[in-house]
C-alpha atoms as a PDB file:
ATOM      1  CA  MET A   1       0.384  -9.821  10.786  1.00  0.00           C
ATOM      2  CA  SER A   2       2.883 -12.526  10.183  1.00  0.00           C
ATOM      3  CA  THR A   3       4.945 -13.535  13.248  1.00  0.00           C
ATOM      4  CA  THR A   4       8.040 -13.962  11.271  1.00  0.00           C
ATOM      5  CA  ASP A   5      10.781 -11.218  11.546  1.00  0.00           C
ATOM      6  CA  PRO A   6      10.848  -9.149   8.282  1.00  0.00           C
ATOM      7  CA  PHE A   7      13.863  -7.723   9.285  1.00  0.00           C
ATOM      8  CA  VAL A   8      17.379  -8.752   7.643  1.00  0.00           C
ATOM      9  CA  VAL A   9      19.866 -10.201  10.037  1.00  0.00           C
ATOM     10  CA  PRO A  10      23.420  -9.613   8.591  1.00  0.00           C
ATOM     11  CA  GLU A  11      25.828 -12.752   7.758  1.00  0.00           C
ATOM     12  CA  GLU A  12      28.866 -10.813   8.324  1.00  0.00           C
ATOM     13  CA  ASP A  13      30.310  -8.835  11.458  1.00  0.00           C
ATOM     14  CA  SER A  14      30.586  -5.484   9.594  1.00  0.00           C
ATOM     15  CA  ALA A  15      29.599  -3.827   6.605  1.00  0.00           C
ATOM     16  CA  ALA A  16      33.007  -3.978   4.963  1.00  0.00           C
ATOM     17  CA  GLU A  17      32.950  -7.621   5.671  1.00  0.00           C
ATOM     18  CA  ALA A  18      29.641  -7.943   3.863  1.00  0.00           C
ATOM     19  CA  ILE A  19      31.066  -5.878   0.869  1.00  0.00           C
ATOM     20  CA  ALA A  20      33.862  -8.283   0.363  1.00  0.00           C
ATOM     21  CA  ALA A  21      32.052 -11.059   0.865  1.00  0.00           C
ATOM     22  CA  ILE A  22      29.545 -10.066  -1.792  1.00  0.00           C
ATOM     23  CA  GLY A  23      32.326  -9.106  -4.092  1.00  0.00           C
ATOM     24  CA  ASP A  24      34.012 -12.703  -3.566  1.00  0.00           C
ATOM     25  CA  GLU A  25      30.500 -14.377  -4.262  1.00  0.00           C
ATOM     26  CA  LEU A  26      30.139 -12.387  -7.560  1.00  0.00           C
ATOM     27  CA  ALA A  27      33.485 -12.942  -8.620  1.00  0.00           C
ATOM     28  CA  VAL A  28      32.571 -16.668  -9.072  1.00  0.00           C
ATOM     29  CA  PHE A  29      30.407 -16.146 -12.070  1.00  0.00           C
ATOM     30  CA  ASP A  30      31.855 -15.686 -15.612  1.00  0.00           C
ATOM     31  CA  ASP A  31      29.380 -13.463 -16.801  1.00  0.00           C
ATOM     32  CA  TRP A  32      26.693 -10.934 -15.904  1.00  0.00           C
ATOM     33  CA  MET A  33      23.659 -13.278 -16.759  1.00  0.00           C
ATOM     34  CA  GLU A  34      25.040 -15.802 -14.252  1.00  0.00           C
ATOM     35  CA  ARG A  35      25.517 -12.924 -11.428  1.00  0.00           C
ATOM     36  CA  TYR A  36      21.919 -11.723 -12.413  1.00  0.00           C
ATOM     37  CA  GLY A  37      20.699 -15.189 -11.497  1.00  0.00           C
ATOM     38  CA  TYR A  38      22.460 -15.235  -8.370  1.00  0.00           C
ATOM     39  CA  ILE A  39      21.206 -11.724  -7.460  1.00  0.00           C
ATOM     40  CA  ILE A  40      17.602 -12.797  -8.359  1.00  0.00           C
ATOM     41  CA  GLU A  41      18.101 -15.896  -5.971  1.00  0.00           C
ATOM     42  CA  LEU A  42      19.407 -13.631  -3.046  1.00  0.00           C
ATOM     43  CA  GLY A  43      16.063 -11.587  -3.540  1.00  0.00           C
ATOM     44  CA  ARG A  44      13.958 -14.723  -3.319  1.00  0.00           C
ATOM     45  CA  LYS A  45      15.712 -15.251   0.197  1.00  0.00           C
ATOM     46  CA  LEU A  46      14.632 -12.214   1.504  1.00  0.00           C
ATOM     47  CA  PRO A  47      12.416 -12.352   4.627  1.00  0.00           C
ATOM     48  CA  ALA A  48       8.715 -11.890   4.042  1.00  0.00           C
ATOM     49  CA  PHE A  49       7.785  -8.244   3.894  1.00  0.00           C
ATOM     50  CA  PRO A  50       4.514  -7.687   5.687  1.00  0.00           C
ATOM     51  CA  ALA A  51       1.618  -6.791   2.976  1.00  0.00           C
ATOM     52  CA  ASP A  52       0.586  -3.806   5.118  1.00  0.00           C
ATOM     53  CA  TRP A  53       3.975  -2.244   4.654  1.00  0.00           C
ATOM     54  CA  ALA A  54       3.421  -2.375   0.768  1.00  0.00           C
ATOM     55  CA  ASP A  55       1.992   1.097   0.914  1.00  0.00           C
ATOM     56  CA  ASP A  56       3.042   4.717  -0.274  1.00  0.00           C
ATOM     57  CA  ALA A  57       4.503   5.300   3.440  1.00  0.00           C
ATOM     58  CA  HIS A  58       7.179   2.725   2.834  1.00  0.00           C
ATOM     59  CA  ARG A  59       7.733   3.094  -1.151  1.00  0.00           C
ATOM     60  CA  VAL A  60      11.061   4.234  -1.991  1.00  0.00           C
ATOM     61  CA  PRO A  61      10.808   7.155  -4.204  1.00  0.00           C
ATOM     62  CA  GLY A  62      12.804   7.325  -7.758  1.00  0.00           C
ATOM     63  CA  CYS A  63      12.653   3.363  -8.403  1.00  0.00           C
ATOM     64  CA  GLN A  64      11.242   2.372 -11.564  1.00  0.00           C
ATOM     65  CA  SER A  65      10.090  -0.976  -9.877  1.00  0.00           C
ATOM     66  CA  GLN A  66       7.887  -0.665  -7.005  1.00  0.00           C
ATOM     67  CA  VAL A  67      10.216  -0.840  -3.740  1.00  0.00           C
ATOM     68  CA  TRP A  68       9.334  -0.713  -0.144  1.00  0.00           C
ATOM     69  CA  MET A  69      11.585  -0.325   2.768  1.00  0.00           C
ATOM     70  CA  GLU A  70      11.135  -0.035   6.335  1.00  0.00           C
ATOM     71  CA  SER A  71      13.867   0.727   9.201  1.00  0.00           C
ATOM     72  CA  ARG A  72      13.704   0.286  12.889  1.00  0.00           C
ATOM     73  CA  LEU A  73      16.387   1.367  15.545  1.00  0.00           C
ATOM     74  CA  GLN A  74      16.929  -1.565  17.884  1.00  0.00           C
ATOM     75  CA  ASP A  75      19.569  -1.923  20.521  1.00  0.00           C
ATOM     76  CA  GLY A  76      21.622   0.663  19.071  1.00  0.00           C
ATOM     77  CA  VAL A  77      21.517  -0.892  15.622  1.00  0.00           C
ATOM     78  CA  LEU A  78      19.423  -0.170  12.382  1.00  0.00           C
ATOM     79  CA  ARG A  79      17.580  -3.058  11.267  1.00  0.00           C
ATOM     80  CA  PHE A  80      16.061  -3.031   7.538  1.00  0.00           C
ATOM     81  CA  ALA A  81      13.161  -4.827   5.846  1.00  0.00           C
ATOM     82  CA  GLY A  82      12.506  -4.512   1.962  1.00  0.00           C
ATOM     83  CA  ALA A  83      10.716  -5.852  -0.870  1.00  0.00           C
ATOM     84  CA  SER A  84      10.094  -5.054  -4.520  1.00  0.00           C
ATOM     85  CA  ASP A  85       7.608  -6.383  -7.365  1.00  0.00           C
ATOM     86  CA  ALA A  86      10.570  -6.986  -9.643  1.00  0.00           C
ATOM     87  CA  ALA A  87      12.753  -9.951  -9.299  1.00  0.00           C
ATOM     88  CA  ILE A  88      16.307  -8.385 -10.201  1.00  0.00           C
ATOM     89  CA  VAL A  89      15.423  -5.624  -7.678  1.00  0.00           C
ATOM     90  CA  SER A  90      14.461  -7.725  -4.810  1.00  0.00           C
ATOM     91  CA  GLY A  91      18.073  -9.182  -5.073  1.00  0.00           C
ATOM     92  CA  LEU A  92      19.553  -5.528  -5.120  1.00  0.00           C
ATOM     93  CA  VAL A  93      17.519  -4.842  -2.338  1.00  0.00           C
ATOM     94  CA  ALA A  94      18.767  -7.956  -0.383  1.00  0.00           C
ATOM     95  CA  LEU A  95      22.576  -6.874  -1.186  1.00  0.00           C
ATOM     96  CA  LEU A  96      21.943  -3.591   0.481  1.00  0.00           C
ATOM     97  CA  LEU A  97      20.393  -4.899   3.416  1.00  0.00           C
ATOM     98  CA  ARG A  98      23.053  -7.489   3.780  1.00  0.00           C
ATOM     99  CA  VAL A  99      25.672  -4.414   3.946  1.00  0.00           C
ATOM    100  CA  TYR A 100      23.413  -2.111   6.030  1.00  0.00           C
ATOM    101  CA  SER A 101      20.990  -4.039   8.326  1.00  0.00           C
ATOM    102  CA  GLY A 102      22.194  -4.770  11.634  1.00  0.00           C
ATOM    103  CA  ARG A 103      24.581  -1.985  11.994  1.00  0.00           C
ATOM    104  CA  THR A 104      24.806   1.025  13.860  1.00  0.00           C
ATOM    105  CA  PRO A 105      23.555   4.357  12.333  1.00  0.00           C
ATOM    106  CA  GLN A 106      27.336   5.667  12.305  1.00  0.00           C
ATOM    107  CA  GLU A 107      28.579   2.393  10.629  1.00  0.00           C
ATOM    108  CA  VAL A 108      25.708   2.839   7.823  1.00  0.00           C
ATOM    109  CA  LEU A 109      26.635   6.688   7.616  1.00  0.00           C
ATOM    110  CA  ALA A 110      30.521   5.660   7.246  1.00  0.00           C
ATOM    111  CA  THR A 111      29.756   2.902   4.470  1.00  0.00           C
ATOM    112  CA  ASP A 112      29.517   5.035   1.427  1.00  0.00           C
ATOM    113  CA  PRO A 113      27.310   3.211  -1.183  1.00  0.00           C
ATOM    114  CA  VAL A 114      30.104   3.530  -3.782  1.00  0.00           C
ATOM    115  CA  PHE A 115      30.647  -0.321  -3.081  1.00  0.00           C
ATOM    116  CA  LEU A 116      27.709  -0.563  -5.672  1.00  0.00           C
ATOM    117  CA  LYS A 117      29.851   1.111  -8.454  1.00  0.00           C
ATOM    118  CA  GLU A 118      33.188  -0.682  -7.222  1.00  0.00           C
ATOM    119  CA  LEU A 119      31.401  -4.167  -7.518  1.00  0.00           C
ATOM    120  CA  GLY A 120      30.333  -3.295 -11.134  1.00  0.00           C
ATOM    121  CA  LEU A 121      26.627  -3.414 -10.174  1.00  0.00           C
ATOM    122  CA  LEU A 122      25.716   0.123 -11.532  1.00  0.00           C
ATOM    123  CA  GLU A 123      27.626  -0.336 -14.853  1.00  0.00           C
ATOM    124  CA  ALA A 124      25.812  -3.784 -15.593  1.00  0.00           C
ATOM    125  CA  LEU A 125      22.093  -2.370 -14.968  1.00  0.00           C
ATOM    126  CA  SER A 126      20.166  -0.281 -16.977  1.00  0.00           C
ATOM    127  CA  THR A 127      20.041   3.403 -16.211  1.00  0.00           C
ATOM    128  CA  ASN A 128      16.850   3.130 -14.595  1.00  0.00           C
ATOM    129  CA  ARG A 129      18.033   0.219 -12.391  1.00  0.00           C
ATOM    130  CA  GLY A 130      20.890   2.088 -11.524  1.00  0.00           C
ATOM    131  CA  ASN A 131      19.107   5.042 -10.556  1.00  0.00           C
ATOM    132  CA  GLY A 132      16.741   3.108  -8.549  1.00  0.00           C
ATOM    133  CA  ILE A 133      19.542   1.079  -6.609  1.00  0.00           C
ATOM    134  CA  ALA A 134      20.888   4.825  -5.944  1.00  0.00           C
ATOM    135  CA  SER A 135      17.557   5.582  -4.480  1.00  0.00           C
ATOM    136  CA  MET A 136      17.376   2.544  -1.959  1.00  0.00           C
ATOM    137  CA  ALA A 137      20.959   3.576  -1.055  1.00  0.00           C
ATOM    138  CA  ARG A 138      19.877   7.181  -0.466  1.00  0.00           C
ATOM    139  CA  ALA A 139      16.745   5.829   1.645  1.00  0.00           C
ATOM    140  CA  VAL A 140      19.249   3.690   3.986  1.00  0.00           C
ATOM    141  CA  GLN A 141      21.586   6.825   4.513  1.00  0.00           C
ATOM    142  CA  LYS A 142      18.645   8.781   5.303  1.00  0.00           C
ATOM    143  CA  ALA A 143      17.046   6.478   7.845  1.00  0.00           C
ATOM    144  CA  ALA A 144      20.572   6.226   9.478  1.00  0.00           C
ATOM    145  CA  ALA A 145      21.116  10.063   9.317  1.00  0.00           C
ATOM    146  CA  GLU A 146      17.611  10.168  10.934  1.00  0.00           C
ATOM    147  CA  ALA A 147      18.452   7.718  13.934  1.00  0.00           C
ATOM    148  CA  ALA A 148      22.052   9.056  14.416  1.00  0.00           C
END
């Protein structure tokens, strides 16, 4: 197994700050094709996901693409790792983990994934991709509920 940490370290101090920063970053682009490119680039920057975690035990059900996630409660905060076999979905994983990783279970549970709709992400995606990101958000919320 790799010695690099697969868990996402948040850039912002809170989920609300992460959501606001993502909104500001997406607003820079004039159209959704440019935003998609940016989201894909975020996915490329995700920490390496251990190959032995790319299994059914880590698979997020309800996603058209293959998506794997792992969570760990450490020092009172939930840390998340994730990956997908699709470039755009990897970027969506990166957005979710930027918001939720490194937060307390209570903060994760208090941060409704409605921000995905408010940022226009769900409307801009195909129905299947939208359902998939909703499944990823449910997996994050479930991990927080179990840790709380």
